[in-house]
PDB file of N, CA and C in Angstrom:
ATOM      1  N   MET A   1      10.045   9.161 -20.653  1.00  0.00           N
ATOM      2  CA  MET A   1      10.424   9.575 -19.318  1.00  0.00           C
ATOM      3  C   MET A   1      11.617  10.523 -19.417  1.00  0.00           C
ATOM      4  N   ASN A   2      11.518  11.642 -18.737  1.00  0.00           N
ATOM      5  CA  ASN A   2      12.628  12.587 -18.687  1.00  0.00           C
ATOM      6  C   ASN A   2      13.632  12.127 -17.650  1.00  0.00           C
ATOM      7  N   SER A   3      14.889  12.486 -17.869  1.00  0.00           N
ATOM      8  CA  SER A   3      15.891  12.142 -16.868  1.00  0.00           C
ATOM      9  C   SER A   3      15.816  13.163 -15.736  1.00  0.00           C
ATOM     10  N   MET A   4      16.429  12.809 -14.623  1.00  0.00           N
ATOM     11  CA  MET A   4      16.488  13.725 -13.495  1.00  0.00           C
ATOM     12  C   MET A   4      17.786  13.478 -12.753  1.00  0.00           C
ATOM     13  N   SER A   5      18.241  14.468 -12.035  1.00  0.00           N
ATOM     14  CA  SER A   5      19.479  14.335 -11.274  1.00  0.00           C
ATOM     15  C   SER A   5      19.185  13.673  -9.933  1.00  0.00           C
ATOM     16  N   GLY A   6      20.235  13.258  -9.262  1.00  0.00           N
ATOM     17  CA  GLY A   6      20.084  12.680  -7.934  1.00  0.00           C
ATOM     18  C   GLY A   6      19.479  13.682  -6.960  1.00  0.00           C
ATOM     19  N   LYS A   7      19.855  14.956  -7.100  1.00  0.00           N
ATOM     20  CA  LYS A   7      19.294  16.001  -6.231  1.00  0.00           C
ATOM     21  C   LYS A   7      17.784  16.107  -6.415  1.00  0.00           C
ATOM     22  N   GLU A   8      17.348  16.058  -7.669  1.00  0.00           N
ATOM     23  CA  GLU A   8      15.913  16.154  -7.957  1.00  0.00           C
ATOM     24  C   GLU A   8      15.170  14.936  -7.417  1.00  0.00           C
ATOM     25  N   LEU A   9      15.773  13.753  -7.551  1.00  0.00           N
ATOM     26  CA  LEU A   9      15.148  12.544  -7.022  1.00  0.00           C
ATOM     27  C   LEU A   9      15.056  12.619  -5.502  1.00  0.00           C
ATOM     28  N   ALA A  10      16.090  13.139  -4.860  1.00  0.00           N
ATOM     29  CA  ALA A  10      16.076  13.288  -3.406  1.00  0.00           C
ATOM     30  C   ALA A  10      14.920  14.194  -2.972  1.00  0.00           C
ATOM     31  N   LYS A  11      14.704  15.301  -3.685  1.00  0.00           N
ATOM     32  CA  LYS A  11      13.586  16.203  -3.375  1.00  0.00           C
ATOM     33  C   LYS A  11      12.252  15.489  -3.550  1.00  0.00           C
ATOM     34  N   LEU A  12      12.149  14.694  -4.618  1.00  0.00           N
ATOM     35  CA  LEU A  12      10.919  13.948  -4.883  1.00  0.00           C
ATOM     36  C   LEU A  12      10.643  12.948  -3.765  1.00  0.00           C
ATOM     37  N   LEU A  13      11.676  12.245  -3.318  1.00  0.00           N
ATOM     38  CA  LEU A  13      11.506  11.281  -2.229  1.00  0.00           C
ATOM     39  C   LEU A  13      11.059  11.996  -0.953  1.00  0.00           C
ATOM     40  N   GLU A  14      11.719  13.098  -0.626  1.00  0.00           N
ATOM     41  CA  GLU A  14      11.361  13.845   0.585  1.00  0.00           C
ATOM     42  C   GLU A  14       9.936  14.375   0.499  1.00  0.00           C
ATOM     43  N   HIS A  15       9.522  14.766  -0.686  1.00  0.00           N
ATOM     44  CA  HIS A  15       8.151  15.239  -0.909  1.00  0.00           C
ATOM     45  C   HIS A  15       7.139  14.115  -0.667  1.00  0.00           C
ATOM     46  N   ASN A  16       7.584  12.873  -0.832  1.00  0.00           N
ATOM     47  CA  ASN A  16       6.718  11.707  -0.646  1.00  0.00           C
ATOM     48  C   ASN A  16       7.014  10.980   0.665  1.00  0.00           C
ATOM     49  N   ASP A  17       7.425  11.729   1.681  1.00  0.00           N
ATOM     50  CA  ASP A  17       7.598  11.252   3.058  1.00  0.00           C
ATOM     51  C   ASP A  17       8.769  10.304   3.280  1.00  0.00           C
ATOM     52  N   TRP A  18       9.756  10.271   2.392  1.00  0.00           N
ATOM     53  CA  TRP A  18      10.977   9.517   2.630  1.00  0.00           C
ATOM     54  C   TRP A  18      11.904  10.412   3.436  1.00  0.00           C
ATOM     55  N   ILE A  19      12.664   9.814   4.341  1.00  0.00           N
ATOM     56  CA  ILE A  19      13.517  10.566   5.253  1.00  0.00           C
ATOM     57  C   ILE A  19      14.979  10.231   4.973  1.00  0.00           C
ATOM     58  N   LEU A  20      15.820  11.255   4.929  1.00  0.00           N
ATOM     59  CA  LEU A  20      17.251  11.040   4.768  1.00  0.00           C
ATOM     60  C   LEU A  20      17.788  10.438   6.062  1.00  0.00           C
ATOM     61  N   LEU A  21      18.283   9.206   5.981  1.00  0.00           N
ATOM     62  CA  LEU A  21      18.791   8.516   7.157  1.00  0.00           C
ATOM     63  C   LEU A  21      20.268   8.801   7.392  1.00  0.00           C
ATOM     64  N   ARG A  22      21.041   8.762   6.307  1.00  0.00           N
ATOM     65  CA  ARG A  22      22.472   9.014   6.432  1.00  0.00           C
ATOM     66  C   ARG A  22      23.051   9.296   5.046  1.00  0.00           C
ATOM     67  N   VAL A  23      24.273   9.782   5.060  1.00  0.00           N
ATOM     68  CA  VAL A  23      24.997  10.025   3.815  1.00  0.00           C
ATOM     69  C   VAL A  23      26.272   9.202   3.875  1.00  0.00           C
ATOM     70  N   GLN A  24      26.486   8.409   2.855  1.00  0.00           N
ATOM     71  CA  GLN A  24      27.682   7.573   2.760  1.00  0.00           C
ATOM     72  C   GLN A  24      28.425   8.008   1.497  1.00  0.00           C
ATOM     73  N   GLY A  25      29.386   8.886   1.642  1.00  0.00           N
ATOM     74  CA  GLY A  25      30.082   9.424   0.469  1.00  0.00           C
ATOM     75  C   GLY A  25      29.129  10.281  -0.343  1.00  0.00           C
ATOM     76  N   SER A  26      28.959   9.931  -1.614  1.00  0.00           N
ATOM     77  CA  SER A  26      28.054  10.704  -2.471  1.00  0.00           C
ATOM     78  C   SER A  26      26.673  10.060  -2.564  1.00  0.00           C
ATOM     79  N   HIS A  27      26.425   9.052  -1.742  1.00  0.00           N
ATOM     80  CA  HIS A  27      25.135   8.359  -1.770  1.00  0.00           C
ATOM     81  C   HIS A  27      24.303   8.746  -0.549  1.00  0.00           C
ATOM     82  N   HIS A  28      23.110   9.219  -0.808  1.00  0.00           N
ATOM     83  CA  HIS A  28      22.181   9.582   0.260  1.00  0.00           C
ATOM     84  C   HIS A  28      21.227   8.413   0.448  1.00  0.00           C
ATOM     85  N   ILE A  29      21.134   7.925   1.671  1.00  0.00           N
ATOM     86  CA  ILE A  29      20.324   6.753   1.978  1.00  0.00           C
ATOM     87  C   ILE A  29      19.008   7.222   2.594  1.00  0.00           C
ATOM     88  N   TYR A  30      17.898   6.824   1.970  1.00  0.00           N
ATOM     89  CA  TYR A  30      16.565   7.223   2.412  1.00  0.00           C
ATOM     90  C   TYR A  30      15.798   6.025   2.938  1.00  0.00           C
ATOM     91  N   GLY A  31      14.941   6.283   3.928  1.00  0.00           N
ATOM     92  CA  GLY A  31      14.052   5.269   4.469  1.00  0.00           C
ATOM     93  C   GLY A  31      12.699   5.897   4.742  1.00  0.00           C
ATOM     94  N   LYS A  32      11.737   5.031   5.026  1.00  0.00           N
ATOM     95  CA  LYS A  32      10.384   5.501   5.292  1.00  0.00           C
ATOM     96  C   LYS A  32       9.866   4.780   6.525  1.00  0.00           C
ATOM     97  N   ALA A  33       9.159   5.481   7.389  1.00  0.00           N
ATOM     98  CA  ALA A  33       8.616   4.896   8.612  1.00  0.00           C
ATOM     99  C   ALA A  33       7.746   3.690   8.278  1.00  0.00           C
ATOM    100  N   GLY A  34       7.953   2.601   8.997  1.00  0.00           N
ATOM    101  CA  GLY A  34       7.156   1.399   8.790  1.00  0.00           C
ATOM    102  C   GLY A  34       7.544   0.618   7.551  1.00  0.00           C
ATOM    103  N   ASN A  35       8.680   0.951   6.960  1.00  0.00           N
ATOM    104  CA  ASN A  35       9.116   0.303   5.723  1.00  0.00           C
ATOM    105  C   ASN A  35      10.589  -0.067   5.875  1.00  0.00           C
ATOM    106  N   SER A  36      10.926  -1.319   5.628  1.00  0.00           N
ATOM    107  CA  SER A  36      12.313  -1.754   5.797  1.00  0.00           C
ATOM    108  C   SER A  36      13.178  -1.456   4.573  1.00  0.00           C
ATOM    109  N   ILE A  37      12.582  -0.964   3.505  1.00  0.00           N
ATOM    110  CA  ILE A  37      13.331  -0.672   2.278  1.00  0.00           C
ATOM    111  C   ILE A  37      14.198   0.569   2.479  1.00  0.00           C
ATOM    112  N   ARG A  38      15.422   0.489   1.995  1.00  0.00           N
ATOM    113  CA  ARG A  38      16.337   1.624   1.986  1.00  0.00           C
ATOM    114  C   ARG A  38      16.660   1.932   0.534  1.00  0.00           C
ATOM    115  N   ILE A  39      16.684   3.203   0.215  1.00  0.00           N
ATOM    116  CA  ILE A  39      16.964   3.626  -1.154  1.00  0.00           C
ATOM    117  C   ILE A  39      18.243   4.463  -1.139  1.00  0.00           C
ATOM    118  N   SER A  40      19.198   4.063  -1.957  1.00  0.00           N
ATOM    119  CA  SER A  40      20.471   4.757  -2.062  1.00  0.00           C
ATOM    120  C   SER A  40      20.469   5.615  -3.324  1.00  0.00           C
ATOM    121  N   VAL A  41      20.503   6.924  -3.131  1.00  0.00           N
ATOM    122  CA  VAL A  41      20.454   7.861  -4.259  1.00  0.00           C
ATOM    123  C   VAL A  41      21.845   8.461  -4.470  1.00  0.00           C
ATOM    124  N   PRO A  42      22.460   8.182  -5.623  1.00  0.00           N
ATOM    125  CA  PRO A  42      23.762   8.793  -5.906  1.00  0.00           C
ATOM    126  C   PRO A  42      23.585  10.262  -6.291  1.00  0.00           C
ATOM    127  N   ILE A  43      24.306  11.130  -5.609  1.00  0.00           N
ATOM    128  CA  ILE A  43      24.202  12.559  -5.902  1.00  0.00           C
ATOM    129  C   ILE A  43      25.580  13.053  -6.328  1.00  0.00           C
ATOM    130  N   HIS A  44      25.686  13.353  -7.606  1.00  0.00           N
ATOM    131  CA  HIS A  44      26.942  13.833  -8.184  1.00  0.00           C
ATOM    132  C   HIS A  44      26.662  15.162  -8.879  1.00  0.00           C
ATOM    133  N   GLY A  45      26.460  16.191  -8.083  1.00  0.00           N
ATOM    134  CA  GLY A  45      26.132  17.500  -8.648  1.00  0.00           C
ATOM    135  C   GLY A  45      24.785  17.446  -9.339  1.00  0.00           C
ATOM    136  N   ASN A  46      24.718  17.995 -10.520  1.00  0.00           N
ATOM    137  CA  ASN A  46      23.469  17.974 -11.286  1.00  0.00           C
ATOM    138  C   ASN A  46      23.512  16.945 -12.407  1.00  0.00           C
ATOM    139  N   LYS A  47      24.399  15.964 -12.277  1.00  0.00           N
ATOM    140  CA  LYS A  47      24.519  14.924 -13.295  1.00  0.00           C
ATOM    141  C   LYS A  47      23.256  14.069 -13.298  1.00  0.00           C
ATOM    142  N   SER A  48      22.715  13.834 -14.482  1.00  0.00           N
ATOM    143  CA  SER A  48      21.478  13.058 -14.611  1.00  0.00           C
ATOM    144  C   SER A  48      21.716  11.589 -14.299  1.00  0.00           C
ATOM    145  N   LEU A  49      20.715  10.985 -13.661  1.00  0.00           N
ATOM    146  CA  LEU A  49      20.749   9.544 -13.420  1.00  0.00           C
ATOM    147  C   LEU A  49      20.401   8.840 -14.724  1.00  0.00           C
ATOM    148  N   LYS A  50      20.982   7.681 -14.938  1.00  0.00           N
ATOM    149  CA  LYS A  50      20.630   6.911 -16.132  1.00  0.00           C
ATOM    150  C   LYS A  50      19.202   6.402 -15.965  1.00  0.00           C
ATOM    151  N   ILE A  51      18.513   6.255 -17.078  1.00  0.00           N
ATOM    152  CA  ILE A  51      17.086   5.916 -17.074  1.00  0.00           C
ATOM    153  C   ILE A  51      16.804   4.621 -16.316  1.00  0.00           C
ATOM    154  N   GLY A  52      17.615   3.591 -16.529  1.00  0.00           N
ATOM    155  CA  GLY A  52      17.396   2.309 -15.854  1.00  0.00           C
ATOM    156  C   GLY A  52      17.484   2.438 -14.346  1.00  0.00           C
ATOM    157  N   LEU A  53      18.474   3.177 -13.856  1.00  0.00           N
ATOM    158  CA  LEU A  53      18.631   3.386 -12.419  1.00  0.00           C
ATOM    159  C   LEU A  53      17.469   4.206 -11.875  1.00  0.00           C
ATOM    160  N   LEU A  54      17.086   5.244 -12.590  1.00  0.00           N
ATOM    161  CA  LEU A  54      15.973   6.087 -12.155  1.00  0.00           C
ATOM    162  C   LEU A  54      14.692   5.270 -12.037  1.00  0.00           C
ATOM    163  N   ARG A  55      14.406   4.453 -13.042  1.00  0.00           N
ATOM    164  CA  ARG A  55      13.206   3.605 -12.993  1.00  0.00           C
ATOM    165  C   ARG A  55      13.256   2.657 -11.807  1.00  0.00           C
ATOM    166  N   HIS A  56      14.425   2.063 -11.565  1.00  0.00           N
ATOM    167  CA  HIS A  56      14.576   1.119 -10.456  1.00  0.00           C
ATOM    168  C   HIS A  56      14.340   1.818  -9.111  1.00  0.00           C
ATOM    169  N   LEU A  57      14.919   2.999  -8.934  1.00  0.00           N
ATOM    170  CA  LEU A  57      14.758   3.723  -7.671  1.00  0.00           C
ATOM    171  C   LEU A  57      13.312   4.168  -7.464  1.00  0.00           C
ATOM    172  N   LEU A  58      12.654   4.620  -8.528  1.00  0.00           N
ATOM    173  CA  LEU A  58      11.244   5.008  -8.425  1.00  0.00           C
ATOM    174  C   LEU A  58      10.385   3.800  -8.064  1.00  0.00           C
ATOM    175  N   LYS A  59      10.692   2.658  -8.659  1.00  0.00           N
ATOM    176  CA  LYS A  59       9.941   1.434  -8.364  1.00  0.00           C
ATOM    177  C   LYS A  59      10.146   1.025  -6.909  1.00  0.00           C
ATOM    178  N   GLN A  60      11.388   1.101  -6.420  1.00  0.00           N
ATOM    179  CA  GLN A  60      11.669   0.785  -5.020  1.00  0.00           C
ATOM    180  C   GLN A  60      10.869   1.687  -4.087  1.00  0.00           C
ATOM    181  N   ALA A  61      10.742   2.948  -4.462  1.00  0.00           N
ATOM    182  CA  ALA A  61      10.045   3.925  -3.624  1.00  0.00           C
ATOM    183  C   ALA A  61       8.535   3.816  -3.749  1.00  0.00           C
ATOM    184  N   GLY A  62       8.071   2.987  -4.682  1.00  0.00           N
ATOM    185  CA  GLY A  62       6.630   2.851  -4.880  1.00  0.00           C
ATOM    186  C   GLY A  62       6.036   4.020  -5.633  1.00  0.00           C
ATOM    187  N   LEU A  63       6.861   4.707  -6.401  1.00  0.00           N
ATOM    188  CA  LEU A  63       6.405   5.858  -7.177  1.00  0.00           C
ATOM    189  C   LEU A  63       6.363   5.474  -8.644  1.00  0.00           C
ATOM    190  N   SER A  64       5.411   6.026  -9.364  1.00  0.00           N
ATOM    191  CA  SER A  64       5.321   5.740 -10.794  1.00  0.00           C
ATOM    192  C   SER A  64       6.148   6.764 -11.563  1.00  0.00           C
ATOM    193  N   GLU A  65       6.409   6.447 -12.809  1.00  0.00           N
ATOM    194  CA  GLU A  65       7.125   7.400 -13.657  1.00  0.00           C
ATOM    195  C   GLU A  65       6.299   8.664 -13.833  1.00  0.00           C
ATOM    196  N   ASN A  66       4.981   8.530 -13.786  1.00  0.00           N
ATOM    197  CA  ASN A  66       4.093   9.693 -13.910  1.00  0.00           C
ATOM    198  C   ASN A  66       4.235  10.621 -12.716  1.00  0.00           C
ATOM    199  N   THR A  67       4.500  10.063 -11.530  1.00  0.00           N
ATOM    200  CA  THR A  67       4.678  10.883 -10.335  1.00  0.00           C
ATOM    201  C   THR A  67       5.823  11.857 -10.557  1.00  0.00           C
ATOM    202  N   HIS A  68       6.893  11.348 -11.135  1.00  0.00           N
ATOM    203  CA  HIS A  68       8.071  12.180 -11.417  1.00  0.00           C
ATOM    204  C   HIS A  68       7.701  13.307 -12.366  1.00  0.00           C
ATOM    205  N   GLN A  69       6.940  13.011 -13.408  1.00  0.00           N
ATOM    206  CA  GLN A  69       6.558  14.037 -14.375  1.00  0.00           C
ATOM    207  C   GLN A  69       5.561  15.014 -13.772  1.00  0.00           C
ATOM    208  N   ASN A  70       4.598  14.513 -12.984  1.00  0.00           N
ATOM    209  CA  ASN A  70       3.605  15.386 -12.356  1.00  0.00           C
ATOM    210  C   ASN A  70       4.253  16.313 -11.345  1.00  0.00           C
ATOM    211  N   THR A  71       5.234  15.815 -10.594  1.00  0.00           N
ATOM    212  CA  THR A  71       5.898  16.638  -9.595  1.00  0.00           C
ATOM    213  C   THR A  71       6.660  17.767 -10.261  1.00  0.00           C
ATOM    214  N   SER A  72       7.286  17.484 -11.404  1.00  0.00           N
ATOM    215  CA  SER A  72       7.991  18.540 -12.132  1.00  0.00           C
ATOM    216  C   SER A  72       7.014  19.631 -12.535  1.00  0.00           C
ATOM    217  N   THR A  73       5.833  19.246 -13.003  1.00  0.00           N
ATOM    218  CA  THR A  73       4.818  20.210 -13.411  1.00  0.00           C
ATOM    219  C   THR A  73       4.327  21.007 -12.210  1.00  0.00           C
ATOM    220  N   VAL A  74       4.115  20.337 -11.079  1.00  0.00           N
ATOM    221  CA  VAL A  74       3.654  21.014  -9.861  1.00  0.00           C
ATOM    222  C   VAL A  74       4.694  22.013  -9.397  1.00  0.00           C
ATOM    223  N   GLU A  75       5.979  21.616  -9.397  1.00  0.00           N
ATOM    224  CA  GLU A  75       7.028  22.527  -8.961  1.00  0.00           C
ATOM    225  C   GLU A  75       7.090  23.752  -9.862  1.00  0.00           C
ATOM    226  N   GLU A  76       6.924  23.554 -11.180  1.00  0.00           N
ATOM    227  CA  GLU A  76       6.948  24.683 -12.106  1.00  0.00           C
ATOM    228  C   GLU A  76       5.780  25.624 -11.837  1.00  0.00           C
ATOM    229  N   SER A  77       4.583  25.073 -11.618  1.00  0.00           N
ATOM    230  CA  SER A  77       3.425  25.934 -11.371  1.00  0.00           C
ATOM    231  C   SER A  77       3.541  26.625 -10.018  1.00  0.00           C
ATOM    232  N   ASN A  78       4.128  25.948  -9.016  1.00  0.00           N
ATOM    233  CA  ASN A  78       4.332  26.580  -7.715  1.00  0.00           C
ATOM    234  C   ASN A  78       5.276  27.766  -7.832  1.00  0.00           C
ATOM    235  N   SER A  79       6.356  27.614  -8.605  1.00  0.00           N
ATOM    236  CA  SER A  79       7.288  28.728  -8.751  1.00  0.00           C
ATOM    237  C   SER A  79       6.645  29.870  -9.533  1.00  0.00           C
ATOM    238  N   GLU A  80       5.792  29.548 -10.508  1.00  0.00           N
ATOM    239  CA  GLU A  80       5.086  30.595 -11.249  1.00  0.00           C
ATOM    240  C   GLU A  80       4.127  31.338 -10.326  1.00  0.00           C
ATOM    241  N   ASN A  81       3.408  30.608  -9.465  1.00  0.00           N
ATOM    242  CA  ASN A  81       2.487  31.245  -8.519  1.00  0.00           C
ATOM    243  C   ASN A  81       3.243  32.122  -7.539  1.00  0.00           C
ATOM    244  N   LYS A  82       4.405  31.657  -7.080  1.00  0.00           N
ATOM    245  CA  LYS A  82       5.200  32.428  -6.137  1.00  0.00           C
ATOM    246  C   LYS A  82       5.647  33.736  -6.777  1.00  0.00           C
ATOM    247  N   GLU A  83       6.098  33.659  -8.031  1.00  0.00           N
ATOM    248  CA  GLU A  83       6.524  34.867  -8.737  1.00  0.00           C
ATOM    249  C   GLU A  83       5.356  35.833  -8.913  1.00  0.00           C
ATOM    250  N   ALA A  84       4.179  35.313  -9.226  1.00  0.00           N
ATOM    251  CA  ALA A  84       2.999  36.161  -9.401  1.00  0.00           C
ATOM    252  C   ALA A  84       2.634  36.836  -8.082  1.00  0.00           C
ATOM    253  N   ASN A  85       2.695  36.090  -6.975  1.00  0.00           N
ATOM    254  CA  ASN A  85       2.379  36.660  -5.664  1.00  0.00           C
ATOM    255  C   ASN A  85       3.384  37.732  -5.278  1.00  0.00           C
ATOM    256  N   GLU A  86       4.660  37.508  -5.594  1.00  0.00           N
ATOM    257  CA  GLU A  86       5.675  38.501  -5.271  1.00  0.00           C
ATOM    258  C   GLU A  86       5.446  39.785  -6.062  1.00  0.00           C
ATOM    259  N   SER A  87       5.083  39.663  -7.341  1.00  0.00           N
ATOM    260  CA  SER A  87       4.845  40.867  -8.144  1.00  0.00           C
ATOM    261  C   SER A  87       3.592  41.596  -7.665  1.00  0.00           C
ATOM    262  N   ASP A  88       2.577  40.856  -7.198  1.00  0.00           N
ATOM    263  CA  ASP A  88       1.376  41.487  -6.649  1.00  0.00           C
ATOM    264  C   ASP A  88       1.713  42.286  -5.399  1.00  0.00           C
ATOM    265  N   SER A  89       2.554  41.717  -4.520  1.00  0.00           N
ATOM    266  CA  SER A  89       2.889  42.421  -3.286  1.00  0.00           C
ATOM    267  C   SER A  89       3.745  43.646  -3.578  1.00  0.00           C
ATOM    268  N   ILE A  90       4.579  43.588  -4.601  1.00  0.00           N
ATOM    269  CA  ILE A  90       5.377  44.751  -4.985  1.00  0.00           C
ATOM    270  C   ILE A  90       4.462  45.852  -5.502  1.00  0.00           C
ATOM    271  N   ASP A  91       3.455  45.478  -6.313  1.00  0.00           N
ATOM    272  CA  ASP A  91       2.499  46.455  -6.834  1.00  0.00           C
ATOM    273  C   ASP A  91       1.738  47.124  -5.697  1.00  0.00           C
ATOM    274  N   GLU A  92       1.347  46.347  -4.676  1.00  0.00           N
ATOM    275  CA  GLU A  92       0.603  46.896  -3.545  1.00  0.00           C
ATOM    276  C   GLU A  92       1.462  47.866  -2.752  1.00  0.00           C
ATOM    277  N   GLU A  93       2.758  47.562  -2.606  1.00  0.00           N
ATOM    278  CA  GLU A  93       3.651  48.440  -1.862  1.00  0.00           C
ATOM    279  C   GLU A  93       3.835  49.770  -2.581  1.00  0.00           C
ATOM    280  N   GLN A  94       3.839  49.741  -3.907  1.00  0.00           N
ATOM    281  CA  GLN A  94       4.059  50.956  -4.682  1.00  0.00           C
ATOM    282  C   GLN A  94       2.846  51.875  -4.654  1.00  0.00           C
ATOM    283  N   GLU A  95       1.665  51.327  -4.409  1.00  0.00           N
ATOM    284  CA  GLU A  95       0.440  52.144  -4.398  1.00  0.00           C
ATOM    285  C   GLU A  95       0.309  52.895  -3.140  1.00  0.00           C
TER     286      GLU A  95
END
């Protein structure tokens, strides 16, 4: 399992329908409609979360470790597609 920062985990939660309820200092508290579970994500810049904490938070959110890895791959391919589309539109403008 790769490590991830609190910011990256927050994006992953939001991508999976978790909603930011409030911010308490450096901890972002997330909740989900119809679910009484609250997840506290520590966000300290781009500092990586320790593996044990990351696993615990993913488990609380009902996400597998594979979800985290698959989302990273999806985000990378999305950014590659966006770059390709931008270069295509630049080529069309030049013609």
